[in-house]
Amino acid sequence: MTAPTRGPADPAHGEPPIYGTFDFVRKVPPPSGEYRWVYLWERPLRVMHWLAALCLVILAATGLYIGRPYFFPSASPGPHFMMGWIRFAHFVAAAVLVMTAVVRVYWLFMGNRFERLGALFPVRPRDWANLLRMVKFYLMVEPEKAPRYLGHNPLQQFSYTIVYLLAAASTLTGFALYGQSNPGGWIFTLFGWLVAPLGGLQTVRFIHHAATWGFLIFIPFHIYLAIRADHLERTGVISSIISGGRFVPAHEQFEDAEPDA
């Protein structure tokens, strides 16, 4: 455990933070070299991230159970109202996930430059040019030529774009399915029309189920790559989503170090 220290001041955010003593939040600079503290993720985005992660885990577990109640034999009804409570948890997690999505959309325009639209989706030509270089870096092919980013690199931008599309497909099909319980209700009116263009309820269920597996594939890769980056760079990549920032080498150049004109 290291003693708490105060990091370098960030003129954009006033007084520098007091660095804690928790090993899982690396707020103490690496032991050698010159480093500077960069504030990346503001509090609303960090709260949204962890709420969304919790909701996705709950949605995946309860959704798979709803599709196939695997805890009990098919001939047994199980504990009283078990399916009802599982469905309730599923619907509550879905509602919270939608609320985090609203916050994220708002923050695409009101957050800092690392959180806005241009930093989350690969919309700039240079991001597409660097995308292949990042793929080579993660495959350990020419890792020394990888571009350096303070925020999301192009490969992360591309993967998050796919994740948000998956979330949109899962949400829309989920509400379309939920609306079937009350034909004529407002949820049915808003989302029920999706059933016919998608080819019927079975196709809607399949898309909803497939999106769940998309998340289950993404989550372990996301955790692995975050741990890998944290281990290789040793500058608090993982803890940045808890503390809000990380240390980077003071004299190193980054692709997104300056705001776009």
Protein backbone atom coordinates (compact mmCIF):
# COMPACT_ATOMS: atom_id res chain seq x y z
CA MET A 1 0.00 0.00 0.00
CA THR A 2 1.38 3.37 -0.97
CA ALA A 3 0.81 6.66 0.79
CA PRO A 4 -1.76 9.01 -0.73
CA THR A 5 -0.28 11.64 -3.04
CA ARG A 6 -1.70 14.58 -4.93
CA GLY A 7 -1.37 14.47 -8.69
CA PRO A 8 -0.54 17.24 -11.12
CA ALA A 9 -3.18 19.90 -11.56
CA ASP A 10 -5.55 19.71 -14.51
CA PRO A 11 -6.38 23.31 -15.58
CA ALA A 12 -9.64 22.16 -17.18
CA HIS A 13 -10.95 20.65 -13.95
CA GLY A 14 -9.42 22.73 -11.19
CA GLU A 15 -7.88 21.18 -8.10
CA PRO A 16 -6.09 17.87 -8.74
CA PRO A 17 -7.55 14.80 -7.09
CA ILE A 18 -6.21 13.19 -3.95
CA TYR A 19 -4.90 9.78 -4.94
CA GLY A 20 -6.09 6.93 -2.79
CA THR A 21 -4.29 3.93 -1.37
CA PHE A 22 -6.37 1.21 -3.02
CA ASP A 23 -4.32 -1.12 -5.17
CA PHE A 24 -7.23 -1.74 -7.56
CA VAL A 25 -7.42 1.99 -8.39
CA ARG A 26 -3.98 2.95 -9.62
CA LYS A 27 -3.82 6.66 -8.84
CA VAL A 28 -0.14 6.67 -7.95
CA PRO A 29 2.22 7.33 -10.84
CA PRO A 30 4.42 4.48 -12.10
CA PRO A 31 7.69 4.14 -10.15
CA SER A 32 10.00 5.57 -12.83
CA GLY A 33 9.88 8.19 -15.56
CA GLU A 34 7.89 11.38 -15.96
CA TYR A 35 4.12 11.07 -16.16
CA ARG A 36 1.16 13.41 -16.32
CA TRP A 37 -2.39 12.87 -15.15
CA VAL A 38 -5.10 13.02 -17.84
CA TYR A 39 -8.74 13.29 -16.86
CA LEU A 40 -10.78 11.21 -19.33
CA TRP A 41 -14.14 10.04 -18.00
CA GLU A 42 -16.46 12.29 -16.03
CA ARG A 43 -18.59 10.96 -13.20
CA PRO A 44 -21.91 10.56 -15.13
CA LEU A 45 -20.23 8.38 -17.74
CA ARG A 46 -18.50 6.24 -15.12
CA VAL A 47 -21.76 5.68 -13.25
CA MET A 48 -23.50 4.89 -16.53
CA HIS A 49 -20.77 2.38 -17.45
CA TRP A 50 -21.07 0.36 -14.24
CA LEU A 51 -24.87 0.48 -14.18
CA ALA A 52 -24.99 -0.68 -17.79
CA ALA A 53 -22.52 -3.49 -17.06
CA LEU A 54 -24.62 -4.69 -14.10
CA CYS A 55 -27.81 -4.48 -16.16
CA LEU A 56 -26.30 -6.49 -19.02
CA VAL A 57 -25.27 -9.28 -16.66
CA ILE A 58 -28.75 -9.38 -15.09
CA LEU A 59 -30.45 -9.24 -18.49
CA ALA A 60 -28.33 -12.05 -19.90
CA ALA A 61 -28.86 -14.34 -16.90
CA THR A 62 -32.59 -13.70 -16.57
CA GLY A 63 -33.15 -13.73 -20.32
CA LEU A 64 -31.53 -17.14 -20.75
CA TYR A 65 -33.61 -18.42 -17.83
CA ILE A 66 -36.83 -17.06 -19.36
CA GLY A 67 -35.98 -18.76 -22.64
CA ARG A 68 -35.24 -22.05 -20.88
CA PRO A 69 -35.90 -22.40 -17.13
CA TYR A 70 -32.90 -24.64 -16.60
CA PHE A 71 -32.96 -24.71 -12.78
CA PHE A 72 -35.99 -27.01 -12.67
CA PRO A 73 -37.16 -30.08 -14.58
CA SER A 74 -39.79 -29.33 -17.18
CA ALA A 75 -42.41 -31.27 -15.18
CA SER A 76 -41.80 -29.28 -11.98
CA PRO A 77 -43.31 -25.83 -11.42
CA GLY A 78 -40.44 -24.79 -9.16
CA PRO A 79 -40.75 -22.27 -6.31
CA HIS A 80 -43.87 -20.16 -6.20
CA PHE A 81 -43.83 -17.35 -8.77
CA MET A 82 -40.15 -17.95 -9.69
CA MET A 83 -40.70 -17.04 -13.34
CA GLY A 84 -42.60 -13.93 -12.32
CA TRP A 85 -39.71 -12.65 -10.22
CA ILE A 86 -37.20 -13.49 -12.94
CA ARG A 87 -39.26 -11.60 -15.51
CA PHE A 88 -39.63 -8.67 -13.13
CA ALA A 89 -35.84 -8.49 -12.66
CA HIS A 90 -35.41 -8.68 -16.43
CA PHE A 91 -37.82 -5.81 -17.04
CA VAL A 92 -36.33 -3.60 -14.30
CA ALA A 93 -32.81 -4.15 -15.64
CA ALA A 94 -34.05 -3.31 -19.13
CA ALA A 95 -35.61 -0.07 -17.89
CA VAL A 96 -32.40 0.96 -16.09
CA LEU A 97 -30.34 0.11 -19.18
CA VAL A 98 -32.55 2.36 -21.30
CA MET A 99 -32.06 5.18 -18.79
CA THR A 100 -28.27 4.75 -18.98
CA ALA A 101 -28.58 4.90 -22.76
CA VAL A 102 -30.40 8.23 -22.47
CA VAL A 103 -27.55 9.57 -20.33
CA ARG A 104 -24.98 8.26 -22.82
CA VAL A 105 -26.70 9.90 -25.77
CA TYR A 106 -26.82 13.18 -23.86
CA TRP A 107 -23.14 12.84 -22.98
CA LEU A 108 -22.26 12.32 -26.66
CA PHE A 109 -22.90 16.04 -27.04
CA MET A 110 -22.34 17.46 -23.54
CA GLY A 111 -19.38 15.43 -22.25
CA ASN A 112 -15.72 16.30 -22.60
CA ARG A 113 -13.89 15.70 -25.87
CA PHE A 114 -13.00 12.11 -24.94
CA GLU A 115 -16.67 11.27 -24.38
CA ARG A 116 -18.34 12.99 -27.32
CA LEU A 117 -19.58 11.56 -30.60
CA GLY A 118 -16.35 12.03 -32.52
CA ALA A 119 -14.33 10.18 -29.89
CA LEU A 120 -16.68 7.21 -29.57
CA PHE A 121 -17.49 6.36 -33.18
CA PRO A 122 -14.92 6.08 -36.01
CA VAL A 123 -16.20 9.07 -37.96
CA ARG A 124 -12.87 10.65 -38.90
CA PRO A 125 -10.67 9.50 -41.81
CA ARG A 126 -7.63 9.16 -39.54
CA ASP A 127 -9.53 6.70 -37.31
CA TRP A 128 -10.22 4.38 -40.24
CA ALA A 129 -6.59 4.70 -41.32
CA ASN A 130 -5.43 3.69 -37.84
CA LEU A 131 -7.97 0.88 -37.42
CA LEU A 132 -5.84 -1.70 -39.24
CA ARG A 133 -2.77 -0.63 -37.30
CA MET A 134 -4.61 -1.27 -34.05
CA VAL A 135 -5.69 -4.71 -35.25
CA LYS A 136 -2.04 -5.53 -35.94
CA PHE A 137 -1.13 -4.26 -32.47
CA TYR A 138 -3.61 -6.55 -30.72
CA LEU A 139 -2.45 -9.47 -32.89
CA MET A 140 1.16 -8.67 -31.86
CA VAL A 141 2.05 -7.85 -35.48
CA GLU A 142 4.11 -4.65 -35.69
CA PRO A 143 3.03 -3.58 -32.17
CA GLU A 144 5.67 -0.83 -32.17
CA LYS A 145 3.81 0.97 -34.98
CA ALA A 146 0.49 1.17 -33.16
CA PRO A 147 -0.94 4.69 -32.81
CA ARG A 148 -1.34 5.91 -29.25
CA TYR A 149 -4.66 7.25 -27.96
CA LEU A 150 -5.60 8.80 -24.64
CA GLY A 151 -9.25 7.85 -25.02
CA HIS A 152 -10.79 5.20 -27.25
CA ASN A 153 -8.59 3.94 -30.05
CA PRO A 154 -10.22 3.22 -33.47
CA LEU A 155 -10.64 -0.50 -32.80
CA GLN A 156 -12.40 0.26 -29.54
CA GLN A 157 -14.54 2.84 -31.32
CA PHE A 158 -15.54 0.27 -33.93
CA SER A 159 -16.30 -2.43 -31.36
CA TYR A 160 -18.37 -0.04 -29.24
CA THR A 161 -20.32 0.97 -32.33
CA ILE A 162 -21.24 -2.70 -32.84
CA VAL A 163 -22.14 -3.03 -29.14
CA TYR A 164 -24.47 -0.04 -29.29
CA LEU A 165 -26.12 -1.44 -32.42
CA LEU A 166 -26.57 -4.75 -30.56
CA ALA A 167 -28.06 -2.88 -27.61
CA ALA A 168 -30.46 -1.04 -29.91
CA ALA A 169 -31.55 -4.28 -31.59
CA SER A 170 -31.97 -6.01 -28.22
CA THR A 171 -33.96 -3.10 -26.77
CA LEU A 172 -36.29 -2.68 -29.74
CA THR A 173 -37.02 -6.41 -30.07
CA GLY A 174 -37.38 -6.72 -26.29
CA PHE A 175 -40.04 -4.03 -26.16
CA ALA A 176 -41.74 -5.54 -29.19
CA LEU A 177 -41.98 -8.85 -27.31
CA TYR A 178 -43.06 -7.18 -24.07
CA GLY A 179 -45.83 -5.33 -25.87
CA GLN A 180 -47.46 -8.63 -26.86
CA SER A 181 -48.64 -9.03 -23.26
CA ASN A 182 -50.95 -6.05 -23.68
CA PRO A 183 -52.11 -5.61 -27.28
CA GLY A 184 -53.34 -2.09 -27.71
CA GLY A 185 -51.15 -0.70 -24.92
CA TRP A 186 -48.67 2.09 -25.52
CA ILE A 187 -45.64 -0.22 -25.66
CA PHE A 188 -47.43 -2.43 -28.18
CA THR A 189 -48.33 0.67 -30.20
CA LEU A 190 -44.78 2.01 -30.21
CA PHE A 191 -42.92 -1.23 -30.88
CA GLY A 192 -45.43 -3.86 -32.02
CA TRP A 193 -45.18 -2.74 -35.62
CA LEU A 194 -41.63 -4.19 -35.74
CA VAL A 195 -42.94 -7.76 -35.66
CA ALA A 196 -44.28 -7.85 -39.22
CA PRO A 197 -41.26 -6.30 -41.01
CA LEU A 198 -38.92 -8.64 -39.14
CA GLY A 199 -40.87 -11.72 -40.21
CA GLY A 200 -42.93 -12.57 -37.14
CA LEU A 201 -42.50 -13.17 -33.45
CA GLN A 202 -40.13 -16.10 -33.86
CA THR A 203 -37.67 -13.93 -35.81
CA VAL A 204 -38.02 -11.17 -33.23
CA ARG A 205 -37.24 -13.68 -30.46
CA PHE A 206 -34.26 -14.99 -32.42
CA ILE A 207 -32.78 -11.50 -32.89
CA HIS A 208 -33.31 -10.75 -29.20
CA HIS A 209 -31.63 -14.03 -28.22
CA ALA A 210 -28.75 -13.59 -30.68
CA ALA A 211 -28.06 -10.08 -29.34
CA THR A 212 -27.71 -11.60 -25.86
CA TRP A 213 -25.00 -13.92 -27.10
CA GLY A 214 -23.33 -10.99 -28.80
CA PHE A 215 -23.00 -9.32 -25.39
CA LEU A 216 -21.79 -12.56 -23.79
CA ILE A 217 -19.05 -12.75 -26.43
CA PHE A 218 -18.11 -9.08 -26.10
CA ILE A 219 -17.86 -8.93 -22.30
CA PRO A 220 -14.94 -11.37 -21.78
CA PHE A 221 -13.04 -9.87 -24.73
CA HIS A 222 -13.60 -6.39 -23.31
CA ILE A 223 -12.31 -7.43 -19.88
CA TYR A 224 -9.32 -9.28 -21.35
CA LEU A 225 -8.23 -6.40 -23.58
CA ALA A 226 -8.60 -3.91 -20.72
CA ILE A 227 -6.45 -6.08 -18.44
CA ARG A 228 -3.95 -6.59 -21.25
CA ALA A 229 -3.63 -2.85 -21.89
CA ASP A 230 -3.33 -2.16 -18.19
CA HIS A 231 -0.59 -4.75 -17.82
CA LEU A 232 1.40 -3.57 -20.85
CA GLU A 233 1.10 0.17 -20.29
CA ARG A 234 0.96 0.17 -16.46
CA THR A 235 -0.71 3.59 -16.40
CA GLY A 236 -4.10 2.83 -14.90
CA VAL A 237 -6.20 1.95 -17.94
CA ILE A 238 -8.63 -0.17 -15.90
CA SER A 239 -8.75 2.11 -12.89
CA SER A 240 -9.55 5.10 -15.14
CA ILE A 241 -13.17 3.94 -15.34
CA ILE A 242 -13.23 4.19 -11.52
CA SER A 243 -11.06 7.23 -10.86
CA GLY A 244 -11.81 9.09 -14.09
CA GLY A 245 -8.28 9.41 -15.44
CA ARG A 246 -4.87 7.84 -15.78
CA PHE A 247 -1.19 8.62 -15.96
CA VAL A 248 0.54 8.77 -19.34
CA PRO A 249 4.18 9.39 -20.24
CA ALA A 250 4.77 13.13 -20.10
CA HIS A 251 6.55 13.46 -23.45
CA GLU A 252 4.67 10.88 -25.50
CA GLN A 253 2.54 12.02 -28.43
CA PHE A 254 -1.07 10.87 -28.73
CA GLU A 255 -3.39 10.93 -31.72
CA ASP A 256 -6.20 12.53 -29.73
CA ALA A 257 -4.06 14.77 -27.51
CA GLU A 258 -5.49 17.92 -29.05
CA PRO A 259 -9.13 18.66 -29.85
CA ASP A 260 -10.11 18.49 -33.50
CA ALA A 261 -10.54 21.77 -35.25
